[in-house]
């Protein structure tokens, strides 16, 4: 059994740290959401919507983000609803996944904190741009909603996270430093 632990220790440590961080961060986020009434829009989603509106104004001055009875956020282009922003659109679950992975691949604390902050801000900004571009494309090409919303844009945001993970593991984590020094 000791040989098994020695052989798989790095993998088991990674899985344990990842799961612990993921569960803890998910629990904290759910606790944050529990402070809002059912179907009430949380503050982070409202912030995302306000930033999406500012980005949309660059594309088209006839666009708006409309809050409907504190339960729905609609994106309008030329008075036509093209999309809705819900809690799942705020990319917090993606940030939780990103943070959990980086924490699981140990590195220097200051480097990790800077990378986590920078990566989280980048994910947030790209998510806002993603929602705005998606809205414009849905207005112009409504027949491609499934392809745009279900395939291309998730691939984009998760692709960015994958690239950030790659950078972290290969250039900043202690694992990457051990691998490159051989």
N, C-alpha and C. Protein backbone atom coordinates (compact mmCIF):
# COMPACT_ATOMS: atom_id res chain seq x y z
N UNK A 1 0.83 -1.20 0.00
CA UNK A 1 0.00 0.00 0.00
C UNK A 1 0.86 1.25 0.00
N UNK A 2 1.99 1.20 0.74
CA UNK A 2 2.87 2.36 0.80
C UNK A 2 3.46 2.66 -0.59
N UNK A 3 3.80 1.62 -1.34
CA UNK A 3 4.32 1.78 -2.69
C UNK A 3 3.27 2.44 -3.59
N UNK A 4 2.01 2.01 -3.41
CA UNK A 4 0.90 2.60 -4.18
C UNK A 4 0.79 4.09 -3.90
N UNK A 5 0.84 4.46 -2.64
CA UNK A 5 0.74 5.88 -2.25
C UNK A 5 1.91 6.67 -2.83
N UNK A 6 3.12 6.14 -2.75
CA UNK A 6 4.30 6.82 -3.27
C UNK A 6 4.21 7.00 -4.78
N UNK A 7 3.74 5.96 -5.45
CA UNK A 7 3.65 6.01 -6.91
C UNK A 7 2.61 7.03 -7.39
N UNK A 8 1.45 7.07 -6.74
CA UNK A 8 0.35 7.92 -7.20
C UNK A 8 0.15 9.18 -6.36
N UNK A 9 1.07 9.48 -5.47
CA UNK A 9 0.91 10.62 -4.57
C UNK A 9 0.66 11.94 -5.31
N UNK A 10 1.42 12.29 -6.36
CA UNK A 10 1.16 13.56 -7.05
C UNK A 10 -0.25 13.63 -7.64
N UNK A 11 -0.69 12.53 -8.24
CA UNK A 11 -2.02 12.51 -8.84
C UNK A 11 -3.11 12.61 -7.77
N UNK A 12 -2.97 11.83 -6.70
CA UNK A 12 -3.96 11.85 -5.63
C UNK A 12 -4.00 13.21 -4.93
N UNK A 13 -2.84 13.82 -4.77
CA UNK A 13 -2.78 15.16 -4.17
C UNK A 13 -3.49 16.17 -5.08
N UNK A 14 -3.25 16.07 -6.39
CA UNK A 14 -3.92 16.96 -7.34
C UNK A 14 -5.44 16.78 -7.26
N UNK A 15 -5.91 15.55 -7.34
CA UNK A 15 -7.36 15.28 -7.31
C UNK A 15 -7.96 15.77 -6.00
N UNK A 16 -7.30 15.47 -4.88
CA UNK A 16 -7.82 15.89 -3.58
C UNK A 16 -7.90 17.39 -3.45
N UNK A 17 -6.84 18.08 -3.85
CA UNK A 17 -6.82 19.55 -3.76
C UNK A 17 -7.85 20.16 -4.69
N UNK A 18 -7.92 19.64 -5.91
CA UNK A 18 -8.90 20.15 -6.88
C UNK A 18 -10.32 19.99 -6.35
N UNK A 19 -10.66 18.78 -5.91
CA UNK A 19 -12.02 18.53 -5.42
C UNK A 19 -12.34 19.37 -4.18
N UNK A 20 -11.40 19.47 -3.26
CA UNK A 20 -11.62 20.28 -2.06
C UNK A 20 -11.86 21.74 -2.42
N UNK A 21 -11.01 22.30 -3.28
CA UNK A 21 -11.17 23.70 -3.70
C UNK A 21 -12.48 23.90 -4.46
N UNK A 22 -12.78 22.97 -5.37
CA UNK A 22 -13.99 23.08 -6.17
C UNK A 22 -15.25 23.02 -5.30
N UNK A 23 -15.28 22.07 -4.39
CA UNK A 23 -16.44 21.92 -3.51
C UNK A 23 -16.57 23.13 -2.59
N UNK A 24 -15.47 23.59 -2.01
CA UNK A 24 -15.51 24.75 -1.12
C UNK A 24 -15.96 26.01 -1.85
N UNK A 25 -15.39 26.28 -3.02
CA UNK A 25 -15.77 27.47 -3.78
C UNK A 25 -17.21 27.39 -4.28
N UNK A 26 -17.63 26.21 -4.69
CA UNK A 26 -19.02 26.03 -5.12
C UNK A 26 -19.97 26.25 -3.95
N UNK A 27 -19.61 25.73 -2.79
CA UNK A 27 -20.43 25.94 -1.59
C UNK A 27 -20.52 27.43 -1.25
N UNK A 28 -19.39 28.14 -1.30
CA UNK A 28 -19.39 29.58 -1.01
C UNK A 28 -20.25 30.35 -2.01
N UNK A 29 -20.17 29.96 -3.27
CA UNK A 29 -20.98 30.64 -4.30
C UNK A 29 -22.47 30.36 -4.08
N UNK A 30 -22.80 29.13 -3.75
CA UNK A 30 -24.21 28.79 -3.47
C UNK A 30 -24.71 29.54 -2.23
N UNK A 31 -23.84 29.70 -1.25
CA UNK A 31 -24.19 30.47 -0.05
C UNK A 31 -24.46 31.93 -0.44
N UNK A 32 -23.60 32.47 -1.31
CA UNK A 32 -23.81 33.84 -1.81
C UNK A 32 -25.17 33.94 -2.52
N UNK A 33 -25.48 32.98 -3.39
CA UNK A 33 -26.74 33.00 -4.12
C UNK A 33 -27.95 32.84 -3.20
N UNK A 34 -27.78 32.13 -2.09
CA UNK A 34 -28.90 31.92 -1.17
C UNK A 34 -29.35 33.22 -0.51
N UNK A 35 -28.54 34.24 -0.58
CA UNK A 35 -28.91 35.54 -0.04
C UNK A 35 -29.92 36.27 -0.90
N UNK A 36 -30.24 35.71 -2.05
CA UNK A 36 -31.21 36.30 -2.97
C UNK A 36 -32.46 35.44 -2.98
N UNK A 37 -33.59 36.09 -3.14
CA UNK A 37 -34.85 35.35 -3.22
C UNK A 37 -34.85 34.49 -4.49
N UNK A 38 -35.71 33.46 -4.48
CA UNK A 38 -35.81 32.59 -5.65
C UNK A 38 -36.17 33.42 -6.88
N UNK A 39 -35.50 33.18 -7.97
CA UNK A 39 -35.69 33.87 -9.25
C UNK A 39 -35.25 35.33 -9.23
N UNK A 40 -34.66 35.80 -8.13
CA UNK A 40 -34.13 37.15 -8.09
C UNK A 40 -32.72 37.12 -8.66
N UNK A 41 -32.39 38.13 -9.43
CA UNK A 41 -31.08 38.18 -10.09
C UNK A 41 -30.03 38.64 -9.09
N UNK A 42 -28.93 37.89 -9.03
CA UNK A 42 -27.86 38.22 -8.08
C UNK A 42 -27.03 39.40 -8.57
N UNK A 43 -26.24 39.95 -7.68
CA UNK A 43 -25.44 41.14 -7.98
C UNK A 43 -24.38 40.93 -9.04
N UNK A 44 -23.75 39.77 -9.05
CA UNK A 44 -22.71 39.52 -10.05
C UNK A 44 -23.32 39.46 -11.45
N UNK A 45 -24.45 38.80 -11.58
CA UNK A 45 -25.13 38.72 -12.87
C UNK A 45 -25.58 40.10 -13.33
N UNK A 46 -26.03 40.92 -12.40
CA UNK A 46 -26.42 42.30 -12.73
C UNK A 46 -25.20 43.10 -13.21
N UNK A 47 -24.07 42.89 -12.56
CA UNK A 47 -22.84 43.58 -12.97
C UNK A 47 -22.43 43.16 -14.38
N UNK A 48 -22.50 41.86 -14.65
CA UNK A 48 -22.18 41.35 -15.99
C UNK A 48 -23.12 42.01 -17.01
N UNK A 49 -24.40 42.06 -16.69
CA UNK A 49 -25.38 42.64 -17.61
C UNK A 49 -25.09 44.12 -17.88
N UNK A 50 -24.70 44.85 -16.86
CA UNK A 50 -24.40 46.28 -17.07
C UNK A 50 -23.17 46.45 -17.95
N UNK A 51 -22.18 45.57 -17.79
CA UNK A 51 -21.00 45.66 -18.65
C UNK A 51 -21.31 45.21 -20.08
N UNK A 52 -22.17 44.21 -20.21
CA UNK A 52 -22.60 43.77 -21.55
C UNK A 52 -23.29 44.92 -22.26
N UNK A 53 -24.13 45.65 -21.54
CA UNK A 53 -24.83 46.77 -22.15
C UNK A 53 -23.85 47.82 -22.68
N UNK A 54 -22.80 48.11 -21.91
CA UNK A 54 -21.80 49.09 -22.34
C UNK A 54 -21.07 48.61 -23.60
N UNK A 55 -20.74 47.32 -23.64
CA UNK A 55 -20.07 46.77 -24.82
C UNK A 55 -21.01 46.79 -26.02
N UNK A 56 -22.27 46.44 -25.80
CA UNK A 56 -23.25 46.43 -26.89
C UNK A 56 -23.44 47.82 -27.51
N UNK A 57 -23.35 48.83 -26.69
CA UNK A 57 -23.50 50.19 -27.19
C UNK A 57 -22.42 50.53 -28.22
N UNK A 58 -21.27 49.88 -28.11
CA UNK A 58 -20.21 50.07 -29.10
C UNK A 58 -20.64 49.48 -30.44
N UNK A 59 -21.29 48.32 -30.41
CA UNK A 59 -21.74 47.65 -31.64
C UNK A 59 -22.94 48.35 -32.26
N UNK A 60 -23.90 48.71 -31.40
CA UNK A 60 -25.18 49.20 -31.93
C UNK A 60 -25.84 50.07 -30.86
N UNK A 61 -26.06 51.32 -31.17
CA UNK A 61 -26.68 52.22 -30.20
C UNK A 61 -28.15 51.90 -29.97
N UNK A 62 -28.73 51.05 -30.81
CA UNK A 62 -30.12 50.63 -30.63
C UNK A 62 -30.22 49.33 -29.83
N UNK A 63 -29.28 49.11 -28.96
CA UNK A 63 -29.31 47.94 -28.11
C UNK A 63 -29.50 48.37 -26.66
N UNK A 64 -30.06 47.48 -25.87
CA UNK A 64 -30.30 47.80 -24.46
C UNK A 64 -30.38 46.52 -23.65
N UNK A 65 -30.13 46.66 -22.38
CA UNK A 65 -30.32 45.58 -21.43
C UNK A 65 -31.46 46.01 -20.52
N UNK A 66 -32.50 45.19 -20.45
CA UNK A 66 -33.71 45.55 -19.72
C UNK A 66 -33.91 44.58 -18.56
N UNK A 67 -34.11 45.14 -17.37
CA UNK A 67 -34.37 44.34 -16.17
C UNK A 67 -35.88 44.25 -16.00
N UNK A 68 -36.37 43.03 -15.93
CA UNK A 68 -37.81 42.79 -15.87
C UNK A 68 -38.19 42.26 -14.49
N UNK A 69 -38.79 43.07 -13.66
CA UNK A 69 -39.29 42.66 -12.34
C UNK A 69 -38.26 41.94 -11.47
N UNK A 70 -37.00 42.28 -11.55
CA UNK A 70 -35.93 41.68 -10.74
C UNK A 70 -35.75 40.18 -10.97
N UNK A 71 -36.38 39.62 -11.99
CA UNK A 71 -36.26 38.17 -12.22
C UNK A 71 -35.67 37.82 -13.58
N UNK A 72 -35.59 38.78 -14.47
CA UNK A 72 -35.13 38.48 -15.83
C UNK A 72 -34.36 39.67 -16.38
N UNK A 73 -33.28 39.39 -17.09
CA UNK A 73 -32.53 40.42 -17.79
C UNK A 73 -32.59 40.08 -19.27
N UNK A 74 -33.15 40.98 -20.05
CA UNK A 74 -33.27 40.76 -21.49
C UNK A 74 -32.31 41.67 -22.24
N UNK A 75 -31.74 41.13 -23.30
CA UNK A 75 -30.92 41.93 -24.20
C UNK A 75 -31.76 42.23 -25.42
N UNK A 76 -31.94 43.52 -25.69
CA UNK A 76 -32.75 43.96 -26.82
C UNK A 76 -31.87 44.60 -27.87
N UNK A 77 -32.17 44.29 -29.10
CA UNK A 77 -31.53 44.97 -30.23
C UNK A 77 -32.66 45.41 -31.16
N UNK A 78 -32.75 46.71 -31.36
CA UNK A 78 -33.82 47.29 -32.17
C UNK A 78 -35.19 46.84 -31.63
N UNK A 79 -35.35 46.94 -30.31
CA UNK A 79 -36.57 46.59 -29.58
C UNK A 79 -36.96 45.10 -29.70
N UNK A 80 -36.07 44.27 -30.13
CA UNK A 80 -36.35 42.83 -30.24
C UNK A 80 -35.45 42.09 -29.25
N UNK A 81 -36.07 41.23 -28.43
CA UNK A 81 -35.28 40.45 -27.48
C UNK A 81 -34.49 39.39 -28.24
N UNK A 82 -33.17 39.43 -28.06
CA UNK A 82 -32.31 38.46 -28.74
C UNK A 82 -31.73 37.44 -27.77
N UNK A 83 -31.67 37.80 -26.49
CA UNK A 83 -31.09 36.89 -25.51
C UNK A 83 -31.53 37.31 -24.11
N UNK A 84 -31.30 36.40 -23.17
CA UNK A 84 -31.53 36.68 -21.75
C UNK A 84 -30.26 36.36 -21.00
N UNK A 85 -30.00 37.15 -20.00
CA UNK A 85 -28.86 36.87 -19.13
C UNK A 85 -29.40 36.28 -17.84
N UNK A 86 -28.92 35.09 -17.52
CA UNK A 86 -29.33 34.42 -16.28
C UNK A 86 -28.09 34.22 -15.42
N UNK A 87 -28.28 33.67 -14.24
CA UNK A 87 -27.16 33.48 -13.31
C UNK A 87 -26.03 32.67 -13.95
N UNK A 88 -26.34 31.68 -14.73
CA UNK A 88 -25.31 30.85 -15.36
C UNK A 88 -24.45 31.57 -16.38
N UNK A 89 -24.88 32.75 -16.79
CA UNK A 89 -24.14 33.53 -17.79
C UNK A 89 -23.01 34.36 -17.19
N UNK A 90 -22.92 34.40 -15.88
CA UNK A 90 -21.92 35.30 -15.27
C UNK A 90 -20.52 34.70 -15.19
N UNK A 91 -20.35 33.47 -15.62
CA UNK A 91 -19.06 32.78 -15.71
C UNK A 91 -18.41 32.49 -14.37
N UNK A 92 -19.15 32.61 -13.28
CA UNK A 92 -18.57 32.30 -11.98
C UNK A 92 -18.22 30.82 -11.89
N UNK A 93 -19.04 29.95 -12.45
CA UNK A 93 -18.73 28.52 -12.42
C UNK A 93 -17.44 28.23 -13.20
N UNK A 94 -17.20 28.98 -14.26
CA UNK A 94 -15.97 28.81 -15.04
C UNK A 94 -14.78 29.29 -14.22
N UNK A 95 -14.94 30.41 -13.52
CA UNK A 95 -13.87 30.94 -12.67
C UNK A 95 -13.58 29.95 -11.53
N UNK A 96 -14.61 29.35 -10.96
CA UNK A 96 -14.40 28.36 -9.89
C UNK A 96 -13.60 27.18 -10.42
N UNK A 97 -13.92 26.71 -11.60
CA UNK A 97 -13.17 25.61 -12.22
C UNK A 97 -11.72 26.01 -12.45
N UNK A 98 -11.51 27.21 -12.97
CA UNK A 98 -10.17 27.74 -13.23
C UNK A 98 -9.36 27.82 -11.94
N UNK A 99 -9.94 28.42 -10.92
CA UNK A 99 -9.24 28.61 -9.64
C UNK A 99 -8.91 27.25 -9.01
N UNK A 100 -9.85 26.33 -9.04
CA UNK A 100 -9.63 25.01 -8.44
C UNK A 100 -8.46 24.29 -9.09
N UNK A 101 -8.38 24.37 -10.40
CA UNK A 101 -7.30 23.70 -11.12
C UNK A 101 -5.95 24.33 -10.78
N UNK A 102 -5.89 25.65 -10.77
CA UNK A 102 -4.62 26.33 -10.48
C UNK A 102 -4.18 26.01 -9.04
N UNK A 103 -5.13 25.98 -8.12
CA UNK A 103 -4.79 25.65 -6.74
C UNK A 103 -4.27 24.22 -6.62
N UNK A 104 -4.79 23.33 -7.45
CA UNK A 104 -4.39 21.92 -7.40
C UNK A 104 -2.98 21.70 -7.92
N UNK A 105 -2.53 22.55 -8.82
CA UNK A 105 -1.16 22.49 -9.31
C UNK A 105 -0.37 23.56 -8.57
N UNK A 106 0.22 23.17 -7.49
CA UNK A 106 0.88 24.11 -6.59
C UNK A 106 1.93 24.96 -7.30
N UNK A 107 2.11 26.12 -6.75
CA UNK A 107 3.12 27.05 -7.20
C UNK A 107 3.37 28.04 -6.08
N UNK A 108 4.18 29.04 -6.33
CA UNK A 108 4.43 30.06 -5.31
C UNK A 108 3.13 30.82 -5.04
N UNK A 109 2.88 31.14 -3.79
CA UNK A 109 1.62 31.75 -3.39
C UNK A 109 1.41 33.09 -4.07
N UNK A 110 2.40 33.96 -4.08
CA UNK A 110 2.21 35.27 -4.71
C UNK A 110 1.99 35.14 -6.21
N UNK A 111 2.74 34.26 -6.83
CA UNK A 111 2.55 34.03 -8.27
C UNK A 111 1.16 33.47 -8.53
N UNK A 112 0.74 32.52 -7.69
CA UNK A 112 -0.59 31.92 -7.86
C UNK A 112 -1.68 32.97 -7.68
N UNK A 113 -1.57 33.80 -6.65
CA UNK A 113 -2.59 34.82 -6.43
C UNK A 113 -2.67 35.80 -7.60
N UNK A 114 -1.53 36.24 -8.08
CA UNK A 114 -1.52 37.15 -9.23
C UNK A 114 -2.12 36.49 -10.46
N UNK A 115 -1.75 35.22 -10.69
CA UNK A 115 -2.28 34.49 -11.84
C UNK A 115 -3.78 34.28 -11.71
N UNK A 116 -4.23 33.94 -10.50
CA UNK A 116 -5.66 33.73 -10.26
C UNK A 116 -6.45 35.02 -10.47
N UNK A 117 -5.95 36.12 -9.96
CA UNK A 117 -6.64 37.40 -10.14
C UNK A 117 -6.65 37.80 -11.61
N UNK A 118 -5.49 37.75 -12.24
CA UNK A 118 -5.40 38.10 -13.66
C UNK A 118 -6.24 37.20 -14.54
N UNK A 119 -6.17 35.90 -14.29
CA UNK A 119 -6.96 34.95 -15.08
C UNK A 119 -8.46 35.13 -14.87
N UNK A 120 -8.87 35.37 -13.63
CA UNK A 120 -10.29 35.57 -13.34
C UNK A 120 -10.82 36.84 -13.99
N UNK A 121 -10.03 37.91 -13.94
CA UNK A 121 -10.44 39.15 -14.61
C UNK A 121 -10.52 38.94 -16.12
N UNK A 122 -9.55 38.23 -16.68
CA UNK A 122 -9.57 37.94 -18.12
C UNK A 122 -10.81 37.13 -18.49
N UNK A 123 -11.12 36.10 -17.71
CA UNK A 123 -12.31 35.29 -17.98
C UNK A 123 -13.56 36.15 -17.90
N UNK A 124 -13.63 37.01 -16.89
CA UNK A 124 -14.80 37.90 -16.74
C UNK A 124 -14.95 38.81 -17.97
N UNK A 125 -13.85 39.47 -18.34
CA UNK A 125 -13.91 40.40 -19.49
C UNK A 125 -14.26 39.67 -20.79
N UNK A 126 -13.65 38.53 -21.01
CA UNK A 126 -13.95 37.77 -22.23
C UNK A 126 -15.38 37.25 -22.21
N UNK A 127 -15.90 36.94 -21.04
CA UNK A 127 -17.29 36.50 -20.94
C UNK A 127 -18.24 37.64 -21.30
N UNK A 128 -17.96 38.85 -20.82
CA UNK A 128 -18.79 40.01 -21.16
C UNK A 128 -18.78 40.23 -22.67
N UNK A 129 -17.59 40.19 -23.26
CA UNK A 129 -17.47 40.36 -24.72
C UNK A 129 -18.19 39.22 -25.44
N UNK A 130 -18.05 38.01 -24.93
CA UNK A 130 -18.72 36.84 -25.50
C UNK A 130 -20.23 37.03 -25.55
N UNK A 131 -20.82 37.48 -24.45
CA UNK A 131 -22.27 37.69 -24.40
C UNK A 131 -22.70 38.78 -25.38
N UNK A 132 -21.92 39.86 -25.44
CA UNK A 132 -22.26 40.96 -26.36
C UNK A 132 -22.17 40.51 -27.82
N UNK A 133 -21.09 39.83 -28.17
CA UNK A 133 -20.93 39.36 -29.55
C UNK A 133 -22.00 38.32 -29.88
N UNK A 134 -22.26 37.44 -28.94
CA UNK A 134 -23.31 36.43 -29.13
C UNK A 134 -24.66 37.11 -29.39
N UNK A 135 -24.96 38.16 -28.66
CA UNK A 135 -26.22 38.88 -28.84
C UNK A 135 -26.32 39.48 -30.24
N UNK A 136 -25.24 40.10 -30.68
CA UNK A 136 -25.23 40.68 -32.03
C UNK A 136 -25.42 39.59 -33.08
N UNK A 137 -24.70 38.48 -32.91
CA UNK A 137 -24.82 37.39 -33.88
C UNK A 137 -26.21 36.75 -33.85
N UNK A 138 -26.81 36.64 -32.67
CA UNK A 138 -28.17 36.09 -32.58
C UNK A 138 -29.19 37.02 -33.23
N UNK A 139 -28.94 38.30 -33.16
CA UNK A 139 -29.83 39.25 -33.82
C UNK A 139 -29.73 39.09 -35.34
N UNK A 140 -28.50 38.95 -35.83
CA UNK A 140 -28.29 38.85 -37.28
C UNK A 140 -28.54 37.45 -37.83
N UNK A 141 -28.26 36.43 -37.04
CA UNK A 141 -28.39 35.04 -37.51
C UNK A 141 -29.16 34.20 -36.50
N UNK A 142 -30.43 34.46 -36.29
CA UNK A 142 -31.18 33.72 -35.26
C UNK A 142 -31.29 32.22 -35.53
N UNK A 143 -31.19 31.81 -36.78
CA UNK A 143 -31.29 30.39 -37.10
C UNK A 143 -30.11 29.58 -36.57
N UNK A 144 -29.01 30.23 -36.23
CA UNK A 144 -27.81 29.55 -35.76
C UNK A 144 -27.66 29.61 -34.24
N UNK A 145 -28.77 29.80 -33.54
CA UNK A 145 -28.71 29.94 -32.08
C UNK A 145 -28.02 28.75 -31.41
N UNK A 146 -28.41 27.55 -31.76
CA UNK A 146 -27.81 26.38 -31.11
C UNK A 146 -26.30 26.32 -31.37
N UNK A 147 -25.90 26.52 -32.60
CA UNK A 147 -24.48 26.48 -32.94
C UNK A 147 -23.70 27.56 -32.19
N UNK A 148 -24.24 28.77 -32.18
CA UNK A 148 -23.55 29.89 -31.54
C UNK A 148 -23.52 29.74 -30.02
N UNK A 149 -24.69 29.55 -29.42
CA UNK A 149 -24.80 29.52 -27.96
C UNK A 149 -24.36 28.19 -27.37
N UNK A 150 -24.63 27.11 -28.06
CA UNK A 150 -24.35 25.79 -27.51
C UNK A 150 -23.01 25.20 -27.86
N UNK A 151 -22.37 25.71 -28.92
CA UNK A 151 -21.12 25.09 -29.37
C UNK A 151 -19.96 26.10 -29.41
N UNK A 152 -20.07 27.09 -30.27
CA UNK A 152 -18.94 27.99 -30.53
C UNK A 152 -18.54 28.80 -29.30
N UNK A 153 -19.49 29.44 -28.64
CA UNK A 153 -19.13 30.31 -27.53
C UNK A 153 -18.71 29.56 -26.27
N UNK A 154 -19.30 28.39 -25.93
CA UNK A 154 -18.72 27.62 -24.83
C UNK A 154 -17.31 27.12 -25.17
N UNK A 155 -17.11 26.73 -26.42
CA UNK A 155 -15.79 26.30 -26.84
C UNK A 155 -14.78 27.43 -26.68
N UNK A 156 -15.20 28.65 -26.97
CA UNK A 156 -14.33 29.81 -26.82
C UNK A 156 -13.94 30.02 -25.36
N UNK A 157 -14.92 30.08 -24.46
CA UNK A 157 -14.62 30.41 -23.07
C UNK A 157 -13.84 29.29 -22.39
N UNK A 158 -14.19 28.03 -22.68
CA UNK A 158 -13.43 26.93 -22.09
C UNK A 158 -12.07 26.77 -22.76
N UNK A 159 -11.96 27.17 -24.00
CA UNK A 159 -10.66 27.18 -24.67
C UNK A 159 -9.70 28.15 -24.01
N UNK A 160 -10.20 29.32 -23.65
CA UNK A 160 -9.39 30.31 -22.95
C UNK A 160 -8.93 29.76 -21.60
N UNK A 161 -9.84 29.11 -20.89
CA UNK A 161 -9.49 28.51 -19.59
C UNK A 161 -8.42 27.44 -19.78
N UNK A 162 -8.57 26.62 -20.79
CA UNK A 162 -7.58 25.59 -21.06
C UNK A 162 -6.20 26.21 -21.35
N UNK A 163 -6.17 27.28 -22.13
CA UNK A 163 -4.90 27.96 -22.43
C UNK A 163 -4.28 28.53 -21.15
N UNK A 164 -5.11 29.12 -20.28
CA UNK A 164 -4.61 29.63 -19.01
C UNK A 164 -4.04 28.50 -18.15
N UNK A 165 -4.73 27.37 -18.12
CA UNK A 165 -4.22 26.22 -17.37
C UNK A 165 -2.88 25.76 -17.93
N UNK A 166 -2.80 25.70 -19.25
CA UNK A 166 -1.56 25.28 -19.91
C UNK A 166 -0.41 26.20 -19.51
N UNK A 167 -0.66 27.50 -19.56
CA UNK A 167 0.36 28.49 -19.18
C UNK A 167 0.76 28.28 -17.72
N UNK A 168 -0.24 28.10 -16.84
CA UNK A 168 0.06 27.92 -15.42
C UNK A 168 0.93 26.68 -15.19
N UNK A 169 0.52 25.55 -15.74
CA UNK A 169 1.24 24.29 -15.49
C UNK A 169 2.64 24.35 -16.06
N UNK A 170 2.79 24.91 -17.24
CA UNK A 170 4.10 24.87 -17.90
C UNK A 170 5.07 25.97 -17.49
N UNK A 171 4.57 27.08 -16.99
CA UNK A 171 5.47 28.20 -16.70
C UNK A 171 5.49 28.66 -15.25
N UNK A 172 4.45 28.37 -14.48
CA UNK A 172 4.39 28.94 -13.14
C UNK A 172 4.25 27.92 -12.01
N UNK A 173 3.66 26.77 -12.27
CA UNK A 173 3.47 25.81 -11.18
C UNK A 173 4.78 25.13 -10.84
N UNK A 174 4.85 24.58 -9.65
CA UNK A 174 6.07 23.86 -9.26
C UNK A 174 6.25 22.61 -10.11
N UNK A 175 5.16 22.04 -10.62
CA UNK A 175 5.25 20.89 -11.52
C UNK A 175 5.97 21.28 -12.81
N UNK A 176 5.60 22.40 -13.38
CA UNK A 176 6.22 22.86 -14.62
C UNK A 176 7.69 23.15 -14.44
N UNK A 177 8.06 23.70 -13.31
CA UNK A 177 9.46 24.02 -13.05
C UNK A 177 10.29 22.74 -12.89
N UNK A 178 9.69 21.71 -12.26
CA UNK A 178 10.41 20.43 -12.13
C UNK A 178 10.58 19.77 -13.48
N UNK A 179 9.55 19.85 -14.33
CA UNK A 179 9.60 19.20 -15.63
C UNK A 179 10.59 19.87 -16.57
N UNK A 180 10.69 21.20 -16.51
CA UNK A 180 11.58 21.90 -17.43
C UNK A 180 13.02 21.85 -16.99
N UNK A 181 13.27 21.58 -15.70
CA UNK A 181 14.66 21.56 -15.23
C UNK A 181 15.36 20.24 -15.48
N UNK A 182 14.65 19.24 -15.95
CA UNK A 182 15.25 17.93 -16.21
C UNK A 182 16.11 17.92 -17.42
